[in-house]
PDB file of N, CA and C in Angstrom:
ATOM      1  N   UNK A   1      76.892   9.171  64.778  1.00  0.00           N
ATOM      2  CA  UNK A   1      75.704   9.580  65.215  1.00  0.00           C
ATOM      3  C   UNK A   1      74.589   8.825  64.692  1.00  0.00           C
ATOM      4  N   UNK A   2      74.717   8.204  63.241  1.00  0.00           N
ATOM      5  CA  UNK A   2      74.035   7.316  62.639  1.00  0.00           C
ATOM      6  C   UNK A   2      73.913   5.991  63.379  1.00  0.00           C
ATOM      7  N   UNK A   3      75.156   5.692  63.846  1.00  0.00           N
ATOM      8  CA  UNK A   3      75.436   4.282  64.357  1.00  0.00           C
ATOM      9  C   UNK A   3      74.572   4.222  65.804  1.00  0.00           C
ATOM     10  N   UNK A   4      74.720   5.364  66.612  1.00  0.00           N
ATOM     11  CA  UNK A   4      74.046   5.468  67.888  1.00  0.00           C
ATOM     12  C   UNK A   4      72.645   5.400  67.646  1.00  0.00           C
ATOM     13  N   UNK A   5      72.081   6.203  66.762  1.00  0.00           N
ATOM     14  CA  UNK A   5      70.637   6.111  66.501  1.00  0.00           C
ATOM     15  C   UNK A   5      70.176   4.772  66.194  1.00  0.00           C
ATOM     16  N   UNK A   6      70.897   4.145  65.318  1.00  0.00           N
ATOM     17  CA  UNK A   6      70.623   2.404  64.879  1.00  0.00           C
ATOM     18  C   UNK A   6      70.754   1.521  65.990  1.00  0.00           C
ATOM     19  N   UNK A   7      71.533   1.550  66.790  1.00  0.00           N
ATOM     20  CA  UNK A   7      71.595   0.991  68.140  1.00  0.00           C
ATOM     21  C   UNK A   7      70.574   1.239  69.199  1.00  0.00           C
ATOM     22  N   UNK A   8      70.160   2.382  69.303  1.00  0.00           N
ATOM     23  CA  UNK A   8      68.914   2.716  69.686  1.00  0.00           C
ATOM     24  C   UNK A   8      67.791   2.151  69.603  1.00  0.00           C
ATOM     25  N   UNK A   9      67.568   2.220  68.229  1.00  0.00           N
ATOM     26  CA  UNK A   9      66.336   1.924  67.400  1.00  0.00           C
ATOM     27  C   UNK A   9      66.343   0.413  67.649  1.00  0.00           C
ATOM     28  N   UNK A  10      67.150  -0.220  67.546  1.00  0.00           N
ATOM     29  CA  UNK A  10      67.233  -1.674  67.586  1.00  0.00           C
ATOM     30  C   UNK A  10      66.850  -2.250  68.720  1.00  0.00           C
ATOM     31  N   UNK A  11      67.295  -1.381  70.104  1.00  0.00           N
ATOM     32  CA  UNK A  11      67.066  -1.704  71.151  1.00  0.00           C
ATOM     33  C   UNK A  11      65.522  -1.552  71.636  1.00  0.00           C
ATOM     34  N   UNK A  12      65.080  -0.485  70.970  1.00  0.00           N
ATOM     35  CA  UNK A  12      63.492  -0.070  71.066  1.00  0.00           C
ATOM     36  C   UNK A  12      62.569  -1.043  70.589  1.00  0.00           C
ATOM     37  N   UNK A  13      63.335  -1.699  69.340  1.00  0.00           N
ATOM     38  CA  UNK A  13      62.435  -2.481  68.762  1.00  0.00           C
ATOM     39  C   UNK A  13      62.300  -3.912  69.635  1.00  0.00           C
ATOM     40  N   UNK A  14      63.376  -4.234  69.995  1.00  0.00           N
ATOM     41  CA  UNK A  14      63.400  -5.672  70.801  1.00  0.00           C
ATOM     42  C   UNK A  14      62.475  -5.410  71.863  1.00  0.00           C
ATOM     43  N   UNK A  15      62.213  -4.454  72.854  1.00  0.00           N
ATOM     44  CA  UNK A  15      61.499  -4.124  73.722  1.00  0.00           C
ATOM     45  C   UNK A  15      59.984  -4.083  73.204  1.00  0.00           C
ATOM     46  N   UNK A  16      59.783  -3.592  72.173  1.00  0.00           N
ATOM     47  CA  UNK A  16      58.441  -3.399  71.522  1.00  0.00           C
ATOM     48  C   UNK A  16      58.025  -4.801  71.055  1.00  0.00           C
ATOM     49  N   UNK A  17      58.652  -5.674  70.733  1.00  0.00           N
ATOM     50  CA  UNK A  17      58.395  -6.842  70.183  1.00  0.00           C
ATOM     51  C   UNK A  17      58.015  -7.793  71.352  1.00  0.00           C
ATOM     52  N   UNK A  18      58.748  -7.612  72.583  1.00  0.00           N
ATOM     53  CA  UNK A  18      58.202  -8.409  73.629  1.00  0.00           C
ATOM     54  C   UNK A  18      56.927  -7.672  74.230  1.00  0.00           C
ATOM     55  N   UNK A  19      56.317  -6.980  73.575  1.00  0.00           N
ATOM     56  CA  UNK A  19      55.032  -6.179  74.300  1.00  0.00           C
ATOM     57  C   UNK A  19      54.016  -5.951  73.122  1.00  0.00           C
ATOM     58  N   UNK A  20      53.667  -6.922  72.528  1.00  0.00           N
ATOM     59  CA  UNK A  20      53.238  -6.561  71.217  1.00  0.00           C
ATOM     60  C   UNK A  20      51.470  -6.401  71.363  1.00  0.00           C
ATOM     61  N   UNK A  21      50.831  -6.632  72.505  1.00  0.00           N
ATOM     62  CA  UNK A  21      49.686  -6.160  72.841  1.00  0.00           C
ATOM     63  C   UNK A  21      49.429  -4.650  73.426  1.00  0.00           C
ATOM     64  N   UNK A  22      50.846  -4.061  73.687  1.00  0.00           N
ATOM     65  CA  UNK A  22      50.600  -2.596  74.223  1.00  0.00           C
ATOM     66  C   UNK A  22      51.032  -1.514  72.889  1.00  0.00           C
ATOM     67  N   UNK A  23      50.267  -0.809  72.825  1.00  0.00           N
ATOM     68  CA  UNK A  23      50.390   0.271  71.785  1.00  0.00           C
ATOM     69  C   UNK A  23      51.391   1.373  72.395  1.00  0.00           C
ATOM     70  N   UNK A  24      52.528   1.667  71.387  1.00  0.00           N
ATOM     71  CA  UNK A  24      53.582   2.267  71.816  1.00  0.00           C
ATOM     72  C   UNK A  24      54.287   2.784  70.736  1.00  0.00           C
ATOM     73  N   UNK A  25      54.936   4.218  70.867  1.00  0.00           N
ATOM     74  CA  UNK A  25      55.546   4.901  70.099  1.00  0.00           C
ATOM     75  C   UNK A  25      56.779   5.069  70.507  1.00  0.00           C
ATOM     76  N   UNK A  26      57.818   4.944  69.813  1.00  0.00           N
ATOM     77  CA  UNK A  26      59.357   5.135  70.207  1.00  0.00           C
ATOM     78  C   UNK A  26      60.150   5.999  69.509  1.00  0.00           C
ATOM     79  N   UNK A  27      61.132   6.821  70.029  1.00  0.00           N
ATOM     80  CA  UNK A  27      61.630   7.567  69.299  1.00  0.00           C
ATOM     81  C   UNK A  27      63.175   7.593  69.795  1.00  0.00           C
ATOM     82  N   UNK A  28      64.303   7.867  69.064  1.00  0.00           N
ATOM     83  CA  UNK A  28      65.641   7.985  69.353  1.00  0.00           C
ATOM     84  C   UNK A  28      65.872   9.464  69.367  1.00  0.00           C
ATOM     85  N   UNK A  29      66.180  10.064  70.391  1.00  0.00           N
ATOM     86  CA  UNK A  29      66.603  11.671  70.462  1.00  0.00           C
ATOM     87  C   UNK A  29      68.070  11.362  71.317  1.00  0.00           C
ATOM     88  N   UNK A  30      68.588  12.575  70.914  1.00  0.00           N
ATOM     89  CA  UNK A  30      70.002  12.839  71.525  1.00  0.00           C
ATOM     90  C   UNK A  30      69.850  14.055  72.209  1.00  0.00           C
ATOM     91  N   UNK A  31      70.653  14.178  73.781  1.00  0.00           N
ATOM     92  CA  UNK A  31      70.484  15.405  74.146  1.00  0.00           C
ATOM     93  C   UNK A  31      70.517  15.019  75.742  1.00  0.00           C
ATOM     94  N   UNK A  32      70.193  16.020  76.685  1.00  0.00           N
ATOM     95  CA  UNK A  32      69.624  15.575  78.147  1.00  0.00           C
ATOM     96  C   UNK A  32      68.928  14.606  78.229  1.00  0.00           C
ATOM     97  N   UNK A  33      68.953  13.336  78.674  1.00  0.00           N
ATOM     98  CA  UNK A  33      68.165  12.414  78.767  1.00  0.00           C
ATOM     99  C   UNK A  33      66.781  12.850  79.316  1.00  0.00           C
ATOM    100  N   UNK A  34      66.811  13.216  80.524  1.00  0.00           N
ATOM    101  CA  UNK A  34      65.609  13.471  81.213  1.00  0.00           C
ATOM    102  C   UNK A  34      64.492  14.712  80.586  1.00  0.00           C
ATOM    103  N   UNK A  35      65.332  15.670  80.023  1.00  0.00           N
ATOM    104  CA  UNK A  35      64.628  16.812  79.310  1.00  0.00           C
ATOM    105  C   UNK A  35      63.978  16.069  77.900  1.00  0.00           C
ATOM    106  N   UNK A  36      64.697  15.431  77.366  1.00  0.00           N
ATOM    107  CA  UNK A  36      64.221  14.746  75.908  1.00  0.00           C
ATOM    108  C   UNK A  36      63.058  13.886  76.333  1.00  0.00           C
ATOM    109  N   UNK A  37      63.021  13.263  77.398  1.00  0.00           N
ATOM    110  CA  UNK A  37      62.064  12.348  77.465  1.00  0.00           C
ATOM    111  C   UNK A  37      60.694  13.198  77.710  1.00  0.00           C
ATOM    112  N   UNK A  38      60.939  14.120  78.649  1.00  0.00           N
ATOM    113  CA  UNK A  38      59.741  14.873  78.930  1.00  0.00           C
ATOM    114  C   UNK A  38      59.354  15.783  77.609  1.00  0.00           C
ATOM    115  N   UNK A  39      60.243  16.304  76.814  1.00  0.00           N
ATOM    116  CA  UNK A  39      59.639  16.884  75.673  1.00  0.00           C
ATOM    117  C   UNK A  39      59.049  15.762  74.748  1.00  0.00           C
ATOM    118  N   UNK A  40      59.613  14.678  74.482  1.00  0.00           N
ATOM    119  CA  UNK A  40      58.917  13.804  73.489  1.00  0.00           C
ATOM    120  C   UNK A  40      57.672  13.273  74.219  1.00  0.00           C
ATOM    121  N   UNK A  41      57.369  12.945  75.195  1.00  0.00           N
ATOM    122  CA  UNK A  41      56.194  12.627  76.014  1.00  0.00           C
ATOM    123  C   UNK A  41      55.164  13.626  75.838  1.00  0.00           C
ATOM    124  N   UNK A  42      55.703  15.117  75.841  1.00  0.00           N
ATOM    125  CA  UNK A  42      54.615  16.262  75.450  1.00  0.00           C
ATOM    126  C   UNK A  42      54.131  16.572  74.220  1.00  0.00           C
ATOM    127  N   UNK A  43      55.357  16.346  73.309  1.00  0.00           N
ATOM    128  CA  UNK A  43      55.081  16.404  71.774  1.00  0.00           C
ATOM    129  C   UNK A  43      54.080  15.206  71.519  1.00  0.00           C
ATOM    130  N   UNK A  44      54.123  13.925  72.094  1.00  0.00           N
ATOM    131  CA  UNK A  44      53.578  12.891  71.677  1.00  0.00           C
ATOM    132  C   UNK A  44      52.205  12.879  72.187  1.00  0.00           C
ATOM    133  N   UNK A  45      51.879  13.761  73.194  1.00  0.00           N
ATOM    134  CA  UNK A  45      50.820  13.695  73.968  1.00  0.00           C
ATOM    135  C   UNK A  45      50.593  12.275  74.857  1.00  0.00           C
ATOM    136  N   UNK A  46      51.676  12.084  75.480  1.00  0.00           N
ATOM    137  CA  UNK A  46      51.816  10.609  76.108  1.00  0.00           C
ATOM    138  C   UNK A  46      50.820  10.315  77.288  1.00  0.00           C
ATOM    139  N   UNK A  47      50.109   9.502  77.470  1.00  0.00           N
ATOM    140  CA  UNK A  47      49.372   9.120  78.836  1.00  0.00           C
ATOM    141  C   UNK A  47      50.356   8.800  79.774  1.00  0.00           C
ATOM    142  N   UNK A  48      51.388   8.184  79.736  1.00  0.00           N
ATOM    143  CA  UNK A  48      52.385   7.619  80.646  1.00  0.00           C
ATOM    144  C   UNK A  48      53.760   7.402  79.914  1.00  0.00           C
ATOM    145  N   UNK A  49      54.751   7.598  80.884  1.00  0.00           N
ATOM    146  CA  UNK A  49      56.245   7.391  80.542  1.00  0.00           C
ATOM    147  C   UNK A  49      56.303   5.931  81.135  1.00  0.00           C
ATOM    148  N   UNK A  50      56.966   5.042  80.385  1.00  0.00           N
ATOM    149  CA  UNK A  50      57.465   3.840  81.083  1.00  0.00           C
ATOM    150  C   UNK A  50      59.110   3.681  80.784  1.00  0.00           C
ATOM    151  N   UNK A  51      59.748   3.642  81.746  1.00  0.00           N
ATOM    152  CA  UNK A  51      61.183   3.345  81.779  1.00  0.00           C
ATOM    153  C   UNK A  51      61.747   2.471  82.294  1.00  0.00           C
ATOM    154  N   UNK A  52      62.654   1.542  81.533  1.00  0.00           N
ATOM    155  CA  UNK A  52      63.242   0.539  82.183  1.00  0.00           C
ATOM    156  C   UNK A  52      64.480   1.073  83.130  1.00  0.00           C
ATOM    157  N   UNK A  53      64.229   0.434  84.194  1.00  0.00           N
ATOM    158  CA  UNK A  53      65.674   1.227  85.470  1.00  0.00           C
ATOM    159  C   UNK A  53      66.414  -0.146  85.762  1.00  0.00           C
ATOM    160  N   UNK A  54      67.624   0.328  85.860  1.00  0.00           N
ATOM    161  CA  UNK A  54      68.484  -0.596  86.352  1.00  0.00           C
ATOM    162  C   UNK A  54      68.379  -0.918  87.784  1.00  0.00           C
ATOM    163  N   UNK A  55      68.925  -1.829  88.453  1.00  0.00           N
ATOM    164  CA  UNK A  55      69.186  -1.865  89.811  1.00  0.00           C
ATOM    165  C   UNK A  55      69.863  -0.400  90.611  1.00  0.00           C
ATOM    166  N   UNK A  56      69.424   0.197  91.330  1.00  0.00           N
ATOM    167  CA  UNK A  56      70.098   1.331  91.797  1.00  0.00           C
ATOM    168  C   UNK A  56      71.285   1.306  92.740  1.00  0.00           C
ATOM    169  N   UNK A  57      72.188   2.024  92.471  1.00  0.00           N
ATOM    170  CA  UNK A  57      73.350   1.893  93.349  1.00  0.00           C
ATOM    171  C   UNK A  57      73.411   2.593  94.690  1.00  0.00           C
ATOM    172  N   UNK A  58      74.060   2.092  95.810  1.00  0.00           N
ATOM    173  CA  UNK A  58      73.862   2.700  97.030  1.00  0.00           C
ATOM    174  C   UNK A  58      73.842   4.397  97.081  1.00  0.00           C
ATOM    175  N   UNK A  59      74.884   4.698  95.985  1.00  0.00           N
ATOM    176  CA  UNK A  59      74.902   6.371  95.930  1.00  0.00           C
ATOM    177  C   UNK A  59      73.267   6.711  95.647  1.00  0.00           C
ATOM    178  N   UNK A  60      72.879   6.086  94.428  1.00  0.00           N
ATOM    179  CA  UNK A  60      71.820   6.988  94.101  1.00  0.00           C
ATOM    180  C   UNK A  60      70.685   6.666  95.105  1.00  0.00           C
ATOM    181  N   UNK A  61      70.574   5.562  95.960  1.00  0.00           N
ATOM    182  CA  UNK A  61      69.491   5.363  96.821  1.00  0.00           C
ATOM    183  C   UNK A  61      69.611   6.520  97.902  1.00  0.00           C
ATOM    184  N   UNK A  62      70.778   6.763  98.135  1.00  0.00           N
ATOM    185  CA  UNK A  62      71.373   7.635  99.333  1.00  0.00           C
ATOM    186  C   UNK A  62      70.738   8.948  98.755  1.00  0.00           C
ATOM    187  N   UNK A  63      71.013   9.487  97.898  1.00  0.00           N
ATOM    188  CA  UNK A  63      70.962  10.784  96.902  1.00  0.00           C
ATOM    189  C   UNK A  63      69.714  10.960  96.256  1.00  0.00           C
ATOM    190  N   UNK A  64      68.980   9.849  95.983  1.00  0.00           N
ATOM    191  CA  UNK A  64      67.581   9.886  95.523  1.00  0.00           C
ATOM    192  C   UNK A  64      67.995  10.424  94.028  1.00  0.00           C
ATOM    193  N   UNK A  65      68.942  10.002  93.453  1.00  0.00           N
ATOM    194  CA  UNK A  65      69.473  10.239  92.172  1.00  0.00           C
ATOM    195  C   UNK A  65      68.820   9.161  91.023  1.00  0.00           C
ATOM    196  N   UNK A  66      69.362   9.394  89.851  1.00  0.00           N
ATOM    197  CA  UNK A  66      68.653   8.815  88.969  1.00  0.00           C
ATOM    198  C   UNK A  66      67.621   9.394  88.155  1.00  0.00           C
ATOM    199  N   UNK A  67      67.452   8.870  86.650  1.00  0.00           N
ATOM    200  CA  UNK A  67      66.522   9.452  85.946  1.00  0.00           C
ATOM    201  C   UNK A  67      65.204   9.187  86.319  1.00  0.00           C
ATOM    202  N   UNK A  68      65.129   7.813  86.604  1.00  0.00           N
ATOM    203  CA  UNK A  68      63.748   7.239  86.963  1.00  0.00           C
ATOM    204  C   UNK A  68      62.987   8.190  88.232  1.00  0.00           C
ATOM    205  N   UNK A  69      63.986   8.519  89.255  1.00  0.00           N
ATOM    206  CA  UNK A  69      63.389   9.280  90.429  1.00  0.00           C
ATOM    207  C   UNK A  69      62.954  10.525  90.097  1.00  0.00           C
ATOM    208  N   UNK A  70      64.084  11.309  89.005  1.00  0.00           N
ATOM    209  CA  UNK A  70      63.808  12.369  88.702  1.00  0.00           C
ATOM    210  C   UNK A  70      62.627  12.608  88.101  1.00  0.00           C
ATOM    211  N   UNK A  71      62.092  11.573  87.110  1.00  0.00           N
ATOM    212  CA  UNK A  71      60.946  11.627  86.337  1.00  0.00           C
ATOM    213  C   UNK A  71      59.673  11.474  87.272  1.00  0.00           C
ATOM    214  N   UNK A  72      59.972  10.498  88.234  1.00  0.00           N
ATOM    215  CA  UNK A  72      58.765  10.432  89.096  1.00  0.00           C
ATOM    216  C   UNK A  72      58.305  11.830  89.621  1.00  0.00           C
ATOM    217  N   UNK A  73      59.322  12.557  90.232  1.00  0.00           N
ATOM    218  CA  UNK A  73      58.747  14.006  90.492  1.00  0.00           C
ATOM    219  C   UNK A  73      58.557  14.890  89.595  1.00  0.00           C
ATOM    220  N   UNK A  74      59.044  14.841  88.560  1.00  0.00           N
ATOM    221  CA  UNK A  74      59.037  16.159  87.453  1.00  0.00           C
ATOM    222  C   UNK A  74      57.756  15.791  86.550  1.00  0.00           C
ATOM    223  N   UNK A  75      57.746  14.598  86.026  1.00  0.00           N
ATOM    224  CA  UNK A  75      56.743  14.256  84.867  1.00  0.00           C
ATOM    225  C   UNK A  75      55.089  14.624  85.335  1.00  0.00           C
ATOM    226  N   UNK A  76      54.534  15.273  84.138  1.00  0.00           N
ATOM    227  CA  UNK A  76      53.101  15.743  84.289  1.00  0.00           C
ATOM    228  C   UNK A  76      52.268  14.672  84.102  1.00  0.00           C
ATOM    229  N   UNK A  77      52.725  13.490  83.769  1.00  0.00           N
ATOM    230  CA  UNK A  77      51.838  12.300  83.478  1.00  0.00           C
ATOM    231  C   UNK A  77      52.632  11.106  84.583  1.00  0.00           C
ATOM    232  N   UNK A  78      51.919   9.958  84.479  1.00  0.00           N
ATOM    233  CA  UNK A  78      52.556   8.945  85.413  1.00  0.00           C
ATOM    234  C   UNK A  78      53.617   8.140  84.793  1.00  0.00           C
ATOM    235  N   UNK A  79      54.611   7.933  85.759  1.00  0.00           N
ATOM    236  CA  UNK A  79      55.868   7.270  85.604  1.00  0.00           C
ATOM    237  C   UNK A  79      55.789   5.956  85.735  1.00  0.00           C
ATOM    238  N   UNK A  80      56.001   4.891  84.989  1.00  0.00           N
ATOM    239  CA  UNK A  80      56.239   3.438  85.394  1.00  0.00           C
ATOM    240  C   UNK A  80      57.600   3.039  85.142  1.00  0.00           C
ATOM    241  N   UNK A  81      58.187   2.393  86.295  1.00  0.00           N
ATOM    242  CA  UNK A  81      59.778   2.313  86.128  1.00  0.00           C
ATOM    243  C   UNK A  81      59.796   0.647  86.274  1.00  0.00           C
ATOM    244  N   UNK A  82      60.284  -0.165  85.104  1.00  0.00           N
ATOM    245  CA  UNK A  82      60.364  -1.455  85.189  1.00  0.00           C
ATOM    246  C   UNK A  82      61.785  -1.732  85.389  1.00  0.00           C
ATOM    247  N   UNK A  83      61.879  -2.792  86.136  1.00  0.00           N
ATOM    248  CA  UNK A  83      63.500  -3.129  86.413  1.00  0.00           C
ATOM    249  C   UNK A  83      63.717  -3.882  85.130  1.00  0.00           C
ATOM    250  N   UNK A  84      64.856  -3.358  84.748  1.00  0.00           N
ATOM    251  CA  UNK A  84      65.574  -3.957  83.608  1.00  0.00           C
ATOM    252  C   UNK A  84      66.360  -5.292  83.963  1.00  0.00           C
ATOM    253  N   UNK A  85      66.187  -6.502  83.085  1.00  0.00           N
ATOM    254  CA  UNK A  85      67.142  -7.657  83.467  1.00  0.00           C
ATOM    255  C   UNK A  85      68.319  -7.629  82.859  1.00  0.00           C
TER     256      UNK A  85
END
């Protein structure tokens, strides 16, 4: 658990370093991804949720699946999907 948390924290710090002018908070949480994102956004009082999204597979395109699409439909704040490289 500690290793997973450390890897997640490192990843978030790398992204944060690339966006120094953007105020942001990051948190590593374990659980159901979409639910944890919404819970943290609510607890933080977030104005928006920004999510790095990979290239969708044909299956996700057909079914409308994926965390990003789910958040776009369910989140009470704006959701920004950024294509990851």
